[in-house]
Amino acid sequence: MEVKGATFLYTLAGLMITFAGFSSLLLILRQAAGAKVSMLDRYLARTVMTYVFVLTAAALLPAIFALYDVPEKWIWRSSGVLFALPMLSLQVTYPRRRRKVVGKGPPPAIFAIFVVLGSAVTLALLVYTFVSLQYSAAADYNAAAYITALTIDFFTVIFGFVSALDIIMLQPMEAPERPAP
């Protein structure tokens, strides 16, 4: 049984993994240029990987449920809850986790898009999922809400990464001393 939007979800999962690899390469390039790896560099890499793997798992979750012949309305409801709870937890706790590691919270633009918009979208999906339980909304609407939330959350991660990359690239290089030949 193929679920509605499966091709889009597979494509999105592929894009997410590609983005994870690309973002790691960009951070490695800075180090290859002679810069020391900062706590912010490490934290950014770990955060991007965590978010992208949660998003990728969420993109594949409906297909996994479909393999077990779960009815389509329950595929989207279950996927919505199983995606939204951990993702919302990551989004809401991001400023505290960043402050703990780096010493300061995120810049306003990252906070607004990455934390506030991302959390609002994920929370809206969670609320919609629970509301659709009571009113038996059509599976098509649940699929659309799920896929839309997943896509928007992916773009908030991209925005957060690109914004943080600007900050990282402005940090001094502080190349380690090289021994004289």
N, C-alpha and C. Protein backbone atom coordinates (compact mmCIF):
# COMPACT_ATOMS: atom_id res chain seq x y z
N MET A 1 0.85 -1.18 0.00
CA MET A 1 0.00 0.00 0.00
C MET A 1 0.89 1.24 0.00
N GLU A 2 0.69 2.09 -0.96
CA GLU A 2 1.44 3.34 -1.06
C GLU A 2 0.59 4.47 -0.47
N VAL A 3 1.18 5.27 0.41
CA VAL A 3 0.43 6.36 1.02
C VAL A 3 0.48 7.59 0.12
N LYS A 4 -0.51 8.43 0.30
CA LYS A 4 -0.56 9.69 -0.46
C LYS A 4 0.67 10.52 -0.12
N GLY A 5 1.32 11.06 -1.14
CA GLY A 5 2.48 11.91 -0.94
C GLY A 5 3.78 11.15 -0.73
N ALA A 6 3.77 9.84 -0.93
CA ALA A 6 4.97 9.03 -0.66
C ALA A 6 6.15 9.48 -1.51
N THR A 7 5.91 9.76 -2.78
CA THR A 7 7.01 10.18 -3.66
C THR A 7 7.61 11.49 -3.16
N PHE A 8 6.76 12.42 -2.75
CA PHE A 8 7.26 13.68 -2.21
C PHE A 8 8.07 13.44 -0.93
N LEU A 9 7.58 12.57 -0.06
CA LEU A 9 8.29 12.28 1.18
C LEU A 9 9.64 11.62 0.92
N TYR A 10 9.71 10.71 -0.04
CA TYR A 10 10.98 10.07 -0.38
C TYR A 10 11.96 11.11 -0.93
N THR A 11 11.45 11.99 -1.77
CA THR A 11 12.29 13.06 -2.33
C THR A 11 12.78 13.98 -1.22
N LEU A 12 11.89 14.33 -0.31
CA LEU A 12 12.25 15.18 0.81
C LEU A 12 13.31 14.51 1.69
N ALA A 13 13.16 13.22 1.94
CA ALA A 13 14.15 12.49 2.74
C ALA A 13 15.52 12.52 2.05
N GLY A 14 15.53 12.33 0.74
CA GLY A 14 16.79 12.41 -0.01
C GLY A 14 17.42 13.79 0.07
N LEU A 15 16.61 14.82 -0.05
CA LEU A 15 17.11 16.19 0.07
C LEU A 15 17.68 16.45 1.47
N MET A 16 17.00 15.93 2.47
CA MET A 16 17.45 16.14 3.84
C MET A 16 18.81 15.51 4.09
N ILE A 17 18.99 14.29 3.63
CA ILE A 17 20.28 13.62 3.83
C ILE A 17 21.37 14.32 3.04
N THR A 18 21.04 14.76 1.83
CA THR A 18 22.00 15.51 1.02
C THR A 18 22.40 16.80 1.74
N PHE A 19 21.43 17.49 2.30
CA PHE A 19 21.69 18.71 3.05
C PHE A 19 22.59 18.44 4.25
N ALA A 20 22.34 17.33 4.96
CA ALA A 20 23.17 16.99 6.12
C ALA A 20 24.62 16.81 5.69
N GLY A 21 24.85 16.11 4.60
CA GLY A 21 26.21 15.91 4.11
C GLY A 21 26.84 17.21 3.66
N PHE A 22 26.08 18.01 2.95
CA PHE A 22 26.58 19.30 2.45
C PHE A 22 26.93 20.23 3.61
N SER A 23 26.09 20.28 4.63
CA SER A 23 26.37 21.16 5.76
C SER A 23 27.63 20.72 6.50
N SER A 24 27.85 19.42 6.59
CA SER A 24 29.08 18.93 7.23
C SER A 24 30.31 19.32 6.42
N LEU A 25 30.20 19.22 5.12
CA LEU A 25 31.33 19.59 4.25
C LEU A 25 31.68 21.06 4.41
N LEU A 26 30.68 21.92 4.52
CA LEU A 26 30.95 23.34 4.68
C LEU A 26 31.71 23.63 5.98
N LEU A 27 31.34 22.92 7.05
CA LEU A 27 32.04 23.12 8.31
C LEU A 27 33.46 22.57 8.25
N ILE A 28 33.66 21.50 7.51
CA ILE A 28 35.00 20.92 7.36
C ILE A 28 35.90 21.84 6.54
N LEU A 29 35.32 22.53 5.56
CA LEU A 29 36.11 23.45 4.73
C LEU A 29 36.75 24.54 5.57
N ARG A 30 36.01 25.05 6.53
CA ARG A 30 36.56 26.09 7.41
C ARG A 30 37.76 25.56 8.18
N GLN A 31 37.63 24.34 8.66
CA GLN A 31 38.74 23.73 9.39
C GLN A 31 39.92 23.46 8.44
N ALA A 32 39.64 23.05 7.22
CA ALA A 32 40.70 22.79 6.25
C ALA A 32 41.46 24.08 5.90
N ALA A 33 40.79 25.21 6.03
CA ALA A 33 41.44 26.50 5.76
C ALA A 33 42.35 26.93 6.91
N GLY A 34 42.37 26.14 7.97
CA GLY A 34 43.28 26.42 9.07
C GLY A 34 42.63 26.92 10.33
N ALA A 35 41.32 27.04 10.34
CA ALA A 35 40.63 27.54 11.53
C ALA A 35 40.48 26.44 12.57
N LYS A 36 40.52 26.82 13.82
CA LYS A 36 40.24 25.88 14.89
C LYS A 36 38.74 25.60 14.92
N VAL A 37 38.38 24.42 15.32
CA VAL A 37 36.97 24.08 15.46
C VAL A 37 36.49 24.65 16.79
N SER A 38 35.52 25.54 16.72
CA SER A 38 35.00 26.16 17.94
C SER A 38 33.85 25.34 18.52
N MET A 39 33.46 25.69 19.72
CA MET A 39 32.31 25.04 20.34
C MET A 39 31.05 25.29 19.50
N LEU A 40 30.95 26.51 18.93
CA LEU A 40 29.81 26.82 18.08
C LEU A 40 29.80 25.93 16.84
N ASP A 41 30.98 25.69 16.24
CA ASP A 41 31.07 24.80 15.07
C ASP A 41 30.55 23.41 15.42
N ARG A 42 31.04 22.89 16.52
CA ARG A 42 30.63 21.53 16.95
C ARG A 42 29.14 21.49 17.26
N TYR A 43 28.69 22.50 17.98
CA TYR A 43 27.27 22.52 18.35
C TYR A 43 26.38 22.62 17.11
N LEU A 44 26.77 23.46 16.17
CA LEU A 44 25.99 23.61 14.95
C LEU A 44 25.93 22.30 14.18
N ALA A 45 27.06 21.64 14.03
CA ALA A 45 27.09 20.37 13.30
C ALA A 45 26.19 19.33 13.97
N ARG A 46 26.30 19.21 15.28
CA ARG A 46 25.50 18.23 16.02
C ARG A 46 24.00 18.58 15.94
N THR A 47 23.69 19.85 16.05
CA THR A 47 22.29 20.27 15.99
C THR A 47 21.69 20.01 14.62
N VAL A 48 22.40 20.40 13.58
CA VAL A 48 21.89 20.18 12.22
C VAL A 48 21.68 18.70 11.96
N MET A 49 22.65 17.87 12.34
CA MET A 49 22.52 16.43 12.13
C MET A 49 21.32 15.87 12.90
N THR A 50 21.16 16.28 14.13
CA THR A 50 20.04 15.79 14.93
C THR A 50 18.71 16.16 14.30
N TYR A 51 18.53 17.43 13.95
CA TYR A 51 17.29 17.88 13.35
C TYR A 51 17.02 17.17 12.03
N VAL A 52 18.06 17.08 11.19
CA VAL A 52 17.86 16.47 9.87
C VAL A 52 17.51 14.99 10.00
N PHE A 53 18.13 14.29 10.94
CA PHE A 53 17.80 12.87 11.07
C PHE A 53 16.40 12.67 11.65
N VAL A 54 15.96 13.54 12.54
CA VAL A 54 14.56 13.47 13.02
C VAL A 54 13.60 13.74 11.86
N LEU A 55 13.91 14.75 11.05
CA LEU A 55 13.06 15.07 9.90
C LEU A 55 13.06 13.94 8.87
N THR A 56 14.22 13.34 8.63
CA THR A 56 14.30 12.23 7.67
C THR A 56 13.51 11.03 8.17
N ALA A 57 13.63 10.72 9.43
CA ALA A 57 12.85 9.62 10.00
C ALA A 57 11.35 9.91 9.85
N ALA A 58 10.98 11.15 10.08
CA ALA A 58 9.57 11.53 9.94
C ALA A 58 9.10 11.40 8.49
N ALA A 59 9.98 11.69 7.54
CA ALA A 59 9.61 11.57 6.13
C ALA A 59 9.39 10.11 5.74
N LEU A 60 10.09 9.21 6.40
CA LEU A 60 9.97 7.78 6.07
C LEU A 60 8.93 7.06 6.91
N LEU A 61 8.52 7.64 8.01
CA LEU A 61 7.58 7.00 8.93
C LEU A 61 6.26 6.57 8.30
N PRO A 62 5.59 7.41 7.50
CA PRO A 62 4.33 6.96 6.90
C PRO A 62 4.49 5.71 6.03
N ALA A 63 5.58 5.62 5.29
CA ALA A 63 5.81 4.45 4.44
C ALA A 63 6.02 3.20 5.29
N ILE A 64 6.67 3.35 6.43
CA ILE A 64 6.87 2.20 7.32
C ILE A 64 5.53 1.72 7.86
N PHE A 65 4.69 2.64 8.29
CA PHE A 65 3.35 2.25 8.77
C PHE A 65 2.55 1.57 7.66
N ALA A 66 2.68 2.07 6.43
CA ALA A 66 1.95 1.50 5.30
C ALA A 66 2.39 0.05 5.04
N LEU A 67 3.64 -0.26 5.29
CA LEU A 67 4.12 -1.64 5.12
C LEU A 67 3.37 -2.62 6.00
N TYR A 68 2.89 -2.13 7.13
CA TYR A 68 2.16 -2.98 8.07
C TYR A 68 0.65 -2.86 7.90
N ASP A 69 0.23 -2.30 6.78
CA ASP A 69 -1.20 -2.16 6.45
C ASP A 69 -2.00 -1.41 7.51
N VAL A 70 -1.38 -0.42 8.11
CA VAL A 70 -2.08 0.45 9.05
C VAL A 70 -3.04 1.30 8.21
N PRO A 71 -4.30 1.47 8.65
CA PRO A 71 -5.23 2.31 7.89
C PRO A 71 -4.66 3.73 7.72
N GLU A 72 -4.92 4.31 6.54
CA GLU A 72 -4.27 5.58 6.20
C GLU A 72 -4.55 6.69 7.20
N LYS A 73 -5.76 6.78 7.73
CA LYS A 73 -6.02 7.87 8.69
C LYS A 73 -5.15 7.71 9.94
N TRP A 74 -4.83 6.48 10.32
CA TRP A 74 -3.98 6.26 11.48
C TRP A 74 -2.50 6.42 11.15
N ILE A 75 -2.15 6.21 9.88
CA ILE A 75 -0.76 6.45 9.47
C ILE A 75 -0.40 7.90 9.74
N TRP A 76 -1.25 8.81 9.30
CA TRP A 76 -0.94 10.24 9.43
C TRP A 76 -1.05 10.71 10.87
N ARG A 77 -2.01 10.19 11.58
CA ARG A 77 -2.15 10.59 12.99
C ARG A 77 -0.97 10.10 13.82
N SER A 78 -0.62 8.85 13.64
CA SER A 78 0.51 8.28 14.39
C SER A 78 1.81 8.97 14.00
N SER A 79 2.01 9.16 12.71
CA SER A 79 3.22 9.83 12.24
C SER A 79 3.29 11.25 12.79
N GLY A 80 2.16 11.93 12.82
CA GLY A 80 2.11 13.30 13.33
C GLY A 80 2.56 13.39 14.77
N VAL A 81 2.06 12.50 15.59
CA VAL A 81 2.43 12.52 17.02
C VAL A 81 3.88 12.10 17.20
N LEU A 82 4.29 11.02 16.50
CA LEU A 82 5.65 10.51 16.66
C LEU A 82 6.71 11.46 16.12
N PHE A 83 6.34 12.32 15.19
CA PHE A 83 7.26 13.34 14.68
C PHE A 83 7.21 14.59 15.55
N ALA A 84 6.01 15.07 15.84
CA ALA A 84 5.85 16.37 16.47
C ALA A 84 6.40 16.42 17.89
N LEU A 85 6.21 15.38 18.67
CA LEU A 85 6.66 15.45 20.07
C LEU A 85 8.19 15.60 20.19
N PRO A 86 8.99 14.75 19.55
CA PRO A 86 10.44 14.97 19.68
C PRO A 86 10.92 16.24 18.98
N MET A 87 10.31 16.57 17.85
CA MET A 87 10.74 17.77 17.13
C MET A 87 10.43 19.02 17.93
N LEU A 88 9.24 19.09 18.49
CA LEU A 88 8.86 20.24 19.31
C LEU A 88 9.78 20.36 20.52
N SER A 89 10.14 19.24 21.10
CA SER A 89 11.06 19.25 22.23
C SER A 89 12.41 19.84 21.82
N LEU A 90 12.92 19.43 20.66
CA LEU A 90 14.19 19.97 20.16
C LEU A 90 14.07 21.47 19.90
N GLN A 91 12.98 21.88 19.28
CA GLN A 91 12.81 23.29 18.91
C GLN A 91 12.70 24.19 20.13
N VAL A 92 11.91 23.79 21.10
CA VAL A 92 11.66 24.62 22.27
C VAL A 92 12.90 24.71 23.17
N THR A 93 13.66 23.63 23.24
CA THR A 93 14.83 23.63 24.13
C THR A 93 16.10 24.13 23.45
N TYR A 94 16.04 24.46 22.17
CA TYR A 94 17.24 24.91 21.45
C TYR A 94 17.95 26.10 22.12
N PRO A 95 17.24 27.18 22.47
CA PRO A 95 17.96 28.32 23.07
C PRO A 95 18.69 27.93 24.36
N ARG A 96 18.07 27.12 25.20
CA ARG A 96 18.71 26.71 26.45
C ARG A 96 19.93 25.83 26.18
N ARG A 97 19.79 24.87 25.26
CA ARG A 97 20.90 23.99 24.92
C ARG A 97 22.06 24.78 24.31
N ARG A 98 21.74 25.74 23.46
CA ARG A 98 22.79 26.56 22.82
C ARG A 98 23.50 27.41 23.86
N ARG A 99 22.72 28.00 24.75
CA ARG A 99 23.30 28.84 25.81
C ARG A 99 24.22 28.02 26.70
N LYS A 100 23.84 26.79 26.98
CA LYS A 100 24.63 25.91 27.84
C LYS A 100 25.98 25.57 27.19
N VAL A 101 25.98 25.36 25.88
CA VAL A 101 27.20 24.96 25.18
C VAL A 101 28.04 26.16 24.75
N VAL A 102 27.40 27.16 24.17
CA VAL A 102 28.13 28.27 23.55
C VAL A 102 28.27 29.46 24.50
N GLY A 103 27.38 29.58 25.47
CA GLY A 103 27.48 30.69 26.41
C GLY A 103 26.50 31.81 26.13
N LYS A 104 25.84 31.77 24.98
CA LYS A 104 24.83 32.80 24.70
C LYS A 104 23.74 32.19 23.81
N GLY A 105 22.58 32.83 23.86
CA GLY A 105 21.44 32.35 23.09
C GLY A 105 21.58 32.65 21.60
N PRO A 106 20.63 32.19 20.83
CA PRO A 106 20.69 32.42 19.38
C PRO A 106 20.41 33.88 19.03
N PRO A 107 20.95 34.33 17.90
CA PRO A 107 20.64 35.68 17.43
C PRO A 107 19.13 35.80 17.15
N PRO A 108 18.59 37.02 17.14
CA PRO A 108 17.15 37.21 16.98
C PRO A 108 16.55 36.55 15.72
N ALA A 109 17.23 36.64 14.58
CA ALA A 109 16.68 36.05 13.35
C ALA A 109 16.59 34.53 13.46
N ILE A 110 17.61 33.91 14.02
CA ILE A 110 17.58 32.46 14.19
C ILE A 110 16.50 32.08 15.20
N PHE A 111 16.40 32.86 16.27
CA PHE A 111 15.36 32.58 17.26
C PHE A 111 13.97 32.68 16.62
N ALA A 112 13.75 33.73 15.84
CA ALA A 112 12.42 33.95 15.25
C ALA A 112 12.03 32.85 14.27
N ILE A 113 12.94 32.47 13.38
CA ILE A 113 12.60 31.49 12.34
C ILE A 113 12.78 30.07 12.84
N PHE A 114 13.97 29.76 13.34
CA PHE A 114 14.33 28.40 13.71
C PHE A 114 13.53 27.92 14.92
N VAL A 115 13.38 28.79 15.91
CA VAL A 115 12.70 28.38 17.14
C VAL A 115 11.21 28.70 17.10
N VAL A 116 10.86 29.96 16.89
CA VAL A 116 9.46 30.36 16.99
C VAL A 116 8.63 29.82 15.84
N LEU A 117 9.03 30.08 14.60
CA LEU A 117 8.27 29.59 13.46
C LEU A 117 8.25 28.06 13.42
N GLY A 118 9.43 27.45 13.61
CA GLY A 118 9.49 25.99 13.61
C GLY A 118 8.60 25.38 14.67
N SER A 119 8.65 25.92 15.88
CA SER A 119 7.81 25.41 16.97
C SER A 119 6.33 25.63 16.70
N ALA A 120 5.99 26.78 16.14
CA ALA A 120 4.59 27.08 15.84
C ALA A 120 4.03 26.10 14.81
N VAL A 121 4.82 25.81 13.79
CA VAL A 121 4.38 24.87 12.75
C VAL A 121 4.22 23.47 13.33
N THR A 122 5.19 23.04 14.11
CA THR A 122 5.13 21.70 14.70
C THR A 122 3.98 21.60 15.70
N LEU A 123 3.79 22.63 16.50
CA LEU A 123 2.67 22.64 17.45
C LEU A 123 1.33 22.63 16.71
N ALA A 124 1.24 23.40 15.61
CA ALA A 124 0.01 23.40 14.82
C ALA A 124 -0.29 22.00 14.28
N LEU A 125 0.74 21.29 13.83
CA LEU A 125 0.54 19.92 13.35
C LEU A 125 0.05 19.04 14.49
N LEU A 126 0.64 19.17 15.66
CA LEU A 126 0.23 18.36 16.80
C LEU A 126 -1.22 18.64 17.20
N VAL A 127 -1.58 19.92 17.27
CA VAL A 127 -2.96 20.30 17.59
C VAL A 127 -3.92 19.75 16.52
N TYR A 128 -3.56 19.94 15.26
CA TYR A 128 -4.41 19.45 14.17
C TYR A 128 -4.57 17.93 14.25
N THR A 129 -3.50 17.24 14.59
CA THR A 129 -3.56 15.78 14.71
C THR A 129 -4.56 15.38 15.78
N PHE A 130 -4.52 16.04 16.93
CA PHE A 130 -5.45 15.70 18.01
C PHE A 130 -6.88 16.14 17.69
N VAL A 131 -7.04 17.27 17.01
CA VAL A 131 -8.37 17.72 16.62
C VAL A 131 -8.96 16.74 15.60
N SER A 132 -8.13 16.27 14.68
CA SER A 132 -8.63 15.34 13.66
C SER A 132 -9.02 14.00 14.28
N LEU A 133 -8.48 13.68 15.45
CA LEU A 133 -8.90 12.46 16.14
C LEU A 133 -10.36 12.57 16.57
N GLN A 134 -10.76 13.76 17.01
CA GLN A 134 -12.12 13.96 17.49
C GLN A 134 -13.13 14.09 16.36
N TYR A 135 -12.72 14.71 15.26
CA TYR A 135 -13.67 15.01 14.19
C TYR A 135 -13.49 14.14 12.96
N SER A 136 -12.67 13.13 13.05
CA SER A 136 -12.40 12.21 11.95
C SER A 136 -12.19 12.92 10.61
N ALA A 137 -11.25 13.85 10.60
CA ALA A 137 -10.91 14.56 9.35
C ALA A 137 -10.39 13.56 8.34
N ALA A 138 -10.56 13.88 7.09
CA ALA A 138 -10.15 12.98 6.01
C ALA A 138 -8.64 12.77 6.04
N ALA A 139 -8.22 11.58 5.64
CA ALA A 139 -6.79 11.24 5.60
C ALA A 139 -6.03 12.19 4.69
N ASP A 140 -6.68 12.68 3.62
CA ASP A 140 -6.01 13.60 2.69
C ASP A 140 -5.56 14.87 3.41
N TYR A 141 -6.41 15.40 4.28
CA TYR A 141 -6.05 16.62 5.02
C TYR A 141 -4.94 16.34 6.02
N ASN A 142 -4.99 15.18 6.65
CA ASN A 142 -3.93 14.81 7.59
C ASN A 142 -2.60 14.67 6.85
N ALA A 143 -2.62 14.07 5.67
CA ALA A 143 -1.40 13.92 4.87
C ALA A 143 -0.86 15.29 4.49
N ALA A 144 -1.73 16.16 4.03
CA ALA A 144 -1.30 17.50 3.61
C ALA A 144 -0.71 18.28 4.78
N ALA A 145 -1.34 18.21 5.94
CA ALA A 145 -0.84 18.92 7.11
C ALA A 145 0.51 18.38 7.53
N TYR A 146 0.65 17.08 7.53
CA TYR A 146 1.90 16.42 7.93
C TYR A 146 3.04 16.81 6.99
N ILE A 147 2.80 16.66 5.70
CA ILE A 147 3.84 16.95 4.71
C ILE A 147 4.20 18.43 4.71
N THR A 148 3.22 19.28 4.88
CA THR A 148 3.48 20.73 4.93
C THR A 148 4.33 21.08 6.15
N ALA A 149 3.97 20.55 7.30
CA ALA A 149 4.74 20.84 8.52
C ALA A 149 6.17 20.33 8.40
N LEU A 150 6.32 19.14 7.87
CA LEU A 150 7.65 18.56 7.69
C LEU A 150 8.51 19.42 6.76
N THR A 151 7.91 19.88 5.68
CA THR A 151 8.64 20.70 4.70
C THR A 151 9.02 22.05 5.31
N ILE A 152 8.09 22.70 5.99
CA ILE A 152 8.41 23.99 6.60
C ILE A 152 9.49 23.84 7.67
N ASP A 153 9.39 22.79 8.49
CA ASP A 153 10.42 22.57 9.51
C ASP A 153 11.78 22.34 8.87
N PHE A 154 11.82 21.65 7.74
CA PHE A 154 13.09 21.44 7.03
C PHE A 154 13.66 22.78 6.58
N PHE A 155 12.82 23.66 6.05
CA PHE A 155 13.31 24.95 5.60
C PHE A 155 13.73 25.85 6.77
N THR A 156 13.13 25.68 7.95
CA THR A 156 13.61 26.45 9.11
C THR A 156 15.00 25.97 9.52
N VAL A 157 15.26 24.67 9.37
CA VAL A 157 16.60 24.14 9.67
C VAL A 157 17.62 24.71 8.68
N ILE A 158 17.25 24.75 7.41
CA ILE A 158 18.14 25.31 6.40
C ILE A 158 18.43 26.78 6.72
N PHE A 159 17.39 27.54 7.04
CA PHE A 159 17.57 28.95 7.39
C PHE A 159 18.50 29.09 8.60
N GLY A 160 18.25 28.28 9.62
CA GLY A 160 19.08 28.34 10.82
C GLY A 160 20.53 28.02 10.52
N PHE A 161 20.75 27.02 9.67
CA PHE A 161 22.12 26.65 9.31
C PHE A 161 22.82 27.76 8.54
N VAL A 162 22.15 28.29 7.53
CA VAL A 162 22.76 29.35 6.70
C VAL A 162 23.05 30.59 7.55
N SER A 163 22.13 30.94 8.43
CA SER A 163 22.35 32.10 9.31
C SER A 163 23.52 31.84 10.26
N ALA A 164 23.57 30.66 10.84
CA ALA A 164 24.65 30.32 11.75
C ALA A 164 25.98 30.24 11.00
N LEU A 165 25.94 29.80 9.76
CA LEU A 165 27.16 29.72 8.95
C LEU A 165 27.75 31.11 8.75
N ASP A 166 26.89 32.10 8.54
CA ASP A 166 27.37 33.49 8.43
C ASP A 166 28.12 33.90 9.71
N ILE A 167 27.57 33.53 10.84
CA ILE A 167 28.19 33.88 12.13
C ILE A 167 29.52 33.16 12.28
N ILE A 168 29.55 31.89 11.94
CA ILE A 168 30.77 31.10 12.07
C ILE A 168 31.87 31.64 11.16
N MET A 169 31.50 31.99 9.94
CA MET A 169 32.51 32.47 9.00
C MET A 169 33.10 33.82 9.40
N LEU A 170 32.40 34.57 10.26
CA LEU A 170 32.92 35.84 10.74
C LEU A 170 33.85 35.68 11.94
N GLN A 171 33.89 34.47 12.51
CA GLN A 171 34.79 34.23 13.64
C GLN A 171 36.23 34.28 13.16
N PRO A 172 37.14 34.71 14.02
CA PRO A 172 38.55 34.74 13.63
C PRO A 172 39.06 33.33 13.34
N MET A 173 40.00 33.24 12.42
CA MET A 173 40.52 31.94 12.00
C MET A 173 41.36 31.27 13.08
N GLU A 174 42.17 32.02 13.81
CA GLU A 174 43.02 31.47 14.87
C GLU A 174 43.65 30.15 14.45
N ALA A 175 44.40 30.21 13.40
CA ALA A 175 45.07 29.00 12.91
C ALA A 175 46.11 28.55 13.93
N PRO A 176 46.22 27.23 14.14
CA PRO A 176 47.23 26.75 15.08
C PRO A 176 48.63 27.01 14.51
N GLU A 177 49.56 27.19 15.43
CA GLU A 177 50.93 27.43 14.99
C GLU A 177 51.47 26.18 14.30
N ARG A 178 52.19 26.42 13.21
CA ARG A 178 52.78 25.29 12.49
C ARG A 178 54.27 25.24 12.83
N PRO A 179 54.80 24.07 13.01
CA PRO A 179 56.23 23.99 13.33
C PRO A 179 57.06 24.48 12.15
N ALA A 180 58.14 25.15 12.47
CA ALA A 180 59.04 25.65 11.41
C ALA A 180 59.76 24.47 10.75
N PRO A 181 59.97 24.54 9.42
CA PRO A 181 60.64 23.41 8.76
C PRO A 181 62.10 23.30 9.11
